[in-house]
Every structure is written in structure tokens, then in C-alpha cells.
């Protein structure tokens, strides 16, 4: 084989293996980042169940967006009929403000994403796991206070849609979802 042909072969092999190594390195970095996010969630929440942590991550909840998860039932209620009304959106954003979320922060941006695109079932699964872990890790009094706060905010969002001319302010669909949220919080 000529020296020139051999040089080109080696250059081609090096390019191939460099690309392969870069791909492997990117996968390893992504895997390590996911592991660190999961570990951060575990530390912040006290949740050790891998499935619950995976559900939280799948729903877009990371350590810096954990505060947004407390507002998940409001988002779910607002989307109950497939349409997010402007008054519901406003009520949820006010709740985010009351919770102290910064408008430029990741948690606020996650809520805005949920308000712009109807979240899927992964949010429900993540929220259920979160509630279960809270119930096990908080004192009964602290959990009861959190439960009442979540239910009060959720009812406020339900009432914000206003019903027809202000009558029947909470629709049957909203009542059903409120009952489901309350059952999850038991």
C-alpha cells in the first residue's frame, strides 16, 4: 500500500473513531447529568423511589423546578376541558407569584410551558408520586396545611373560569377533578 493511501486510510479511521468517541462522550455526559438531576431531586424531596423520581424527571421537574410541581393540580384543573381560559391562566400565574417564583426562573418557565401546551399524563403520575412522598416525609400537621393550601388554590382556579354568566361557577367536570385531586391528597 502506498504511503499516501495509508495516510488517507488512517485519517479516515481517526475521523470515524473521533466521531464515535464524541458520541459516546456525549451519551456519558447526558447520563451523568440525568443521574445528578435525579440525585438533586432525591435530596430536595426526600424521595428515594426510583420510579417516582423518573416520573418527576419525565414531567420536566428538576431540582430547580420543584416549586412548580405544587401548582400542578391548578394546571391540570385549568386544562380539564381541553381549553385554558385566560382567567384560569391569570389565576395560576398569580399563584406562582404568591409562591415567590421568579418570572425569569426555570420553575416559572415550566409553568408557562404547561399553560401553553396541555401537559400529558406524565404530569399526573409525577404529581401523584410527589404527593405520596410528601405525605410520608412531612409531619401530619405540615401535610394537612399543605393539602389545604393546594385545595384552596385549586378551587380558586376552578372558580376563576366563572361558569355561565357567573352561575354554576364550578362545573361538574371541575367538581369531578377537584374530587380526584382531593382523593390523591388524602
Protein backbone atom coordinates (compact mmCIF):
# COMPACT_ATOMS: atom_id res chain seq x y z
CA UNK A 1 0.00 0.00 0.00
CA UNK A 2 1.38 3.43 -0.85
CA UNK A 3 2.22 5.87 1.90
CA UNK A 4 -0.39 8.33 0.63
CA UNK A 5 -3.14 5.71 0.61
CA UNK A 6 -2.10 4.55 4.09
CA UNK A 7 -2.19 8.15 5.39
CA UNK A 8 -5.68 8.67 3.99
CA UNK A 9 -6.88 5.35 5.48
CA UNK A 10 -5.54 6.33 8.91
CA UNK A 11 -7.09 9.81 8.66
CA UNK A 12 -10.44 8.26 7.75
CA UNK A 13 -10.22 5.80 10.65
CA UNK A 14 -9.27 8.56 13.07
CA UNK A 15 -12.17 10.72 11.90
CA UNK A 16 -14.56 7.79 12.33
CA UNK A 17 -13.28 6.90 15.79
CA UNK A 18 -13.17 10.54 16.90
CA UNK A 19 -16.84 10.91 15.91
CA UNK A 20 -17.66 7.63 17.65
CA UNK A 21 -15.79 8.74 20.79
CA UNK A 22 -17.52 12.13 20.72
CA UNK A 23 -20.92 10.41 20.53
CA UNK A 24 -20.02 8.10 23.42
CA UNK A 25 -18.76 11.02 25.47
CA UNK A 26 -21.98 12.99 24.84
CA UNK A 27 -24.07 9.99 25.92
CA UNK A 28 -21.99 9.56 29.07
CA UNK A 29 -22.35 13.26 29.90
CA UNK A 30 -26.12 13.14 29.37
CA UNK A 31 -26.39 10.05 31.55
CA UNK A 32 -24.33 11.70 34.30
CA UNK A 33 -26.42 14.90 34.10
CA UNK A 34 -29.63 12.86 34.43
CA UNK A 35 -28.15 11.00 37.39
CA UNK A 36 -27.24 14.29 39.09
CA UNK A 37 -30.73 15.73 38.47
CA UNK A 38 -32.28 12.61 39.97
CA UNK A 39 -29.93 12.81 42.96
CA UNK A 40 -30.77 16.52 43.42
CA UNK A 41 -34.50 15.75 43.39
CA UNK A 42 -33.98 12.94 45.89
CA UNK A 43 -32.08 15.26 48.23
CA UNK A 44 -34.62 18.09 47.99
CA UNK A 45 -37.72 15.95 48.36
CA UNK A 46 -36.57 13.02 50.45
CA UNK A 47 -37.98 10.73 47.75
CA UNK A 48 -35.95 7.58 47.26
CA UNK A 49 -38.32 5.65 44.99
CA UNK A 50 -36.56 5.49 41.59
CA UNK A 51 -39.85 5.22 39.70
CA UNK A 52 -41.24 8.36 41.30
CA UNK A 53 -38.00 10.23 40.60
CA UNK A 54 -38.10 9.04 36.98
CA UNK A 55 -41.73 10.20 36.69
CA UNK A 56 -40.79 13.61 38.06
CA UNK A 57 -37.95 13.96 35.57
CA UNK A 58 -40.18 12.77 32.70
CA UNK A 59 -42.65 15.53 33.57
CA UNK A 60 -39.88 18.14 33.31
CA UNK A 61 -39.50 18.56 37.06
CA UNK A 62 -35.90 19.11 38.09
CA UNK A 63 -34.44 20.36 41.36
CA UNK A 64 -34.78 23.97 40.21
CA UNK A 65 -38.38 23.45 39.03
CA UNK A 66 -39.65 21.53 42.05
CA UNK A 67 -41.66 24.53 43.27
CA UNK A 68 -43.70 24.37 40.07
CA UNK A 69 -44.97 20.90 40.97
CA UNK A 70 -47.01 22.30 43.85
CA UNK A 71 -49.01 24.19 41.21
CA UNK A 72 -49.58 21.13 39.01
CA UNK A 73 -53.16 20.49 40.23
CA UNK A 74 -54.08 24.04 39.25
CA UNK A 75 -52.72 23.46 35.76
CA UNK A 76 -54.49 20.10 35.47
CA UNK A 77 -57.76 21.66 36.55
CA UNK A 78 -57.41 24.55 34.15
CA UNK A 79 -56.91 22.17 31.23
CA UNK A 80 -59.72 19.76 32.33
CA UNK A 81 -61.88 20.57 29.31
CA UNK A 82 -59.04 20.90 26.81
CA UNK A 83 -59.20 24.70 26.80
CA UNK A 84 -57.25 27.01 29.07
CA UNK A 85 -59.22 30.19 29.72
CA UNK A 86 -57.41 33.48 30.20
CA UNK A 87 -58.84 33.95 33.71
CA UNK A 88 -57.57 30.48 34.68
CA UNK A 89 -54.15 31.30 33.25
CA UNK A 90 -54.09 34.52 35.24
CA UNK A 91 -55.10 32.75 38.45
CA UNK A 92 -52.31 30.20 38.03
CA UNK A 93 -49.70 32.86 37.30
CA UNK A 94 -50.88 34.82 40.37
CA UNK A 95 -50.49 31.64 42.43
CA UNK A 96 -46.95 31.28 41.06
CA UNK A 97 -46.25 34.87 42.07
CA UNK A 98 -47.71 34.25 45.55
CA UNK A 99 -45.41 31.25 45.86
CA UNK A 100 -42.48 33.55 45.11
CA UNK A 101 -41.47 32.11 41.75
CA UNK A 102 -39.26 34.49 39.78
CA UNK A 103 -40.56 35.27 36.29
CA UNK A 104 -37.12 34.57 34.85
CA UNK A 105 -36.68 31.36 36.82
CA UNK A 106 -36.87 27.85 35.47
CA UNK A 107 -39.88 26.89 37.63
CA UNK A 108 -41.94 29.81 36.29
CA UNK A 109 -40.92 28.91 32.74
CA UNK A 110 -42.04 25.31 33.31
CA UNK A 111 -45.45 26.54 34.47
CA UNK A 112 -45.69 28.76 31.40
CA UNK A 113 -44.86 25.74 29.24
CA UNK A 114 -47.67 23.79 30.93
CA UNK A 115 -50.00 26.73 30.28
CA UNK A 116 -49.01 26.97 26.61
CA UNK A 117 -49.12 23.22 25.93
CA UNK A 118 -51.52 20.89 27.68
CA UNK A 119 -49.36 18.58 29.83
CA UNK A 120 -49.71 14.85 29.37
CA UNK A 121 -50.29 12.01 31.79
CA UNK A 122 -46.66 12.19 32.93
CA UNK A 123 -47.53 15.30 34.97
CA UNK A 124 -50.33 13.44 36.77
CA UNK A 125 -48.02 10.49 37.52
CA UNK A 126 -45.26 12.81 38.74
CA UNK A 127 -47.65 14.78 40.94
CA UNK A 128 -49.13 11.62 42.49
CA UNK A 129 -45.65 10.35 43.33
CA UNK A 130 -44.70 13.73 44.75
CA UNK A 131 -47.80 13.85 46.97
CA UNK A 132 -47.18 10.30 48.20
CA UNK A 133 -43.60 11.16 49.12
CA UNK A 134 -44.67 14.38 50.85
CA UNK A 135 -47.28 12.50 52.88
CA UNK A 136 -44.61 10.10 54.10
CA UNK A 137 -41.95 12.74 54.79
CA UNK A 138 -43.91 15.58 56.37
CA UNK A 139 -45.43 15.71 59.81
CA UNK A 140 -49.21 15.17 59.79
CA UNK A 141 -49.79 18.86 60.63
CA UNK A 142 -47.46 20.12 57.92
CA UNK A 143 -49.01 17.79 55.36
CA UNK A 144 -52.55 18.86 56.37
CA UNK A 145 -51.59 22.53 55.93
CA UNK A 146 -50.04 21.84 52.52
CA UNK A 147 -53.10 19.82 51.49
CA UNK A 148 -55.48 22.62 52.44
CA UNK A 149 -53.34 25.20 50.64
CA UNK A 150 -53.31 23.13 47.43
CA UNK A 151 -57.06 22.52 47.60
CA UNK A 152 -57.83 26.20 48.27
CA UNK A 153 -55.71 27.34 45.32
CA UNK A 154 -57.22 24.67 43.07
CA UNK A 155 -60.78 25.72 43.98
CA UNK A 156 -59.82 29.34 43.29
CA UNK A 157 -58.70 28.41 39.76
CA UNK A 158 -61.93 26.44 39.26
CA UNK A 159 -63.99 29.45 40.30
CA UNK A 160 -61.92 31.80 38.12
CA UNK A 161 -63.47 30.41 34.91
CA UNK A 162 -66.76 31.84 36.14
CA UNK A 163 -69.25 29.46 34.57
CA UNK A 164 -72.15 30.81 32.52
CA UNK A 165 -72.81 34.46 33.50
CA UNK A 166 -71.27 33.74 36.89
CA UNK A 167 -73.73 30.94 37.69
CA UNK A 168 -72.65 27.37 38.37
CA UNK A 169 -69.17 28.70 38.94
CA UNK A 170 -67.65 25.25 39.31
CA UNK A 171 -68.69 22.90 36.51
CA UNK A 172 -69.42 19.20 37.02
CA UNK A 173 -66.14 18.34 35.25
CA UNK A 174 -64.28 20.66 37.60
CA UNK A 175 -66.04 19.14 40.61
CA UNK A 176 -65.03 15.66 39.45
CA UNK A 177 -61.39 16.69 39.02
CA UNK A 178 -61.40 18.51 42.36
CA UNK A 179 -62.68 15.31 43.99
CA UNK A 180 -59.90 13.30 42.31
CA UNK A 181 -57.27 15.83 43.46
CA UNK A 182 -58.68 15.72 46.97
CA UNK A 183 -58.60 11.90 46.93
CA UNK A 184 -54.95 11.93 45.85
CA UNK A 185 -54.18 14.32 48.69
CA UNK A 186 -55.85 12.11 51.35
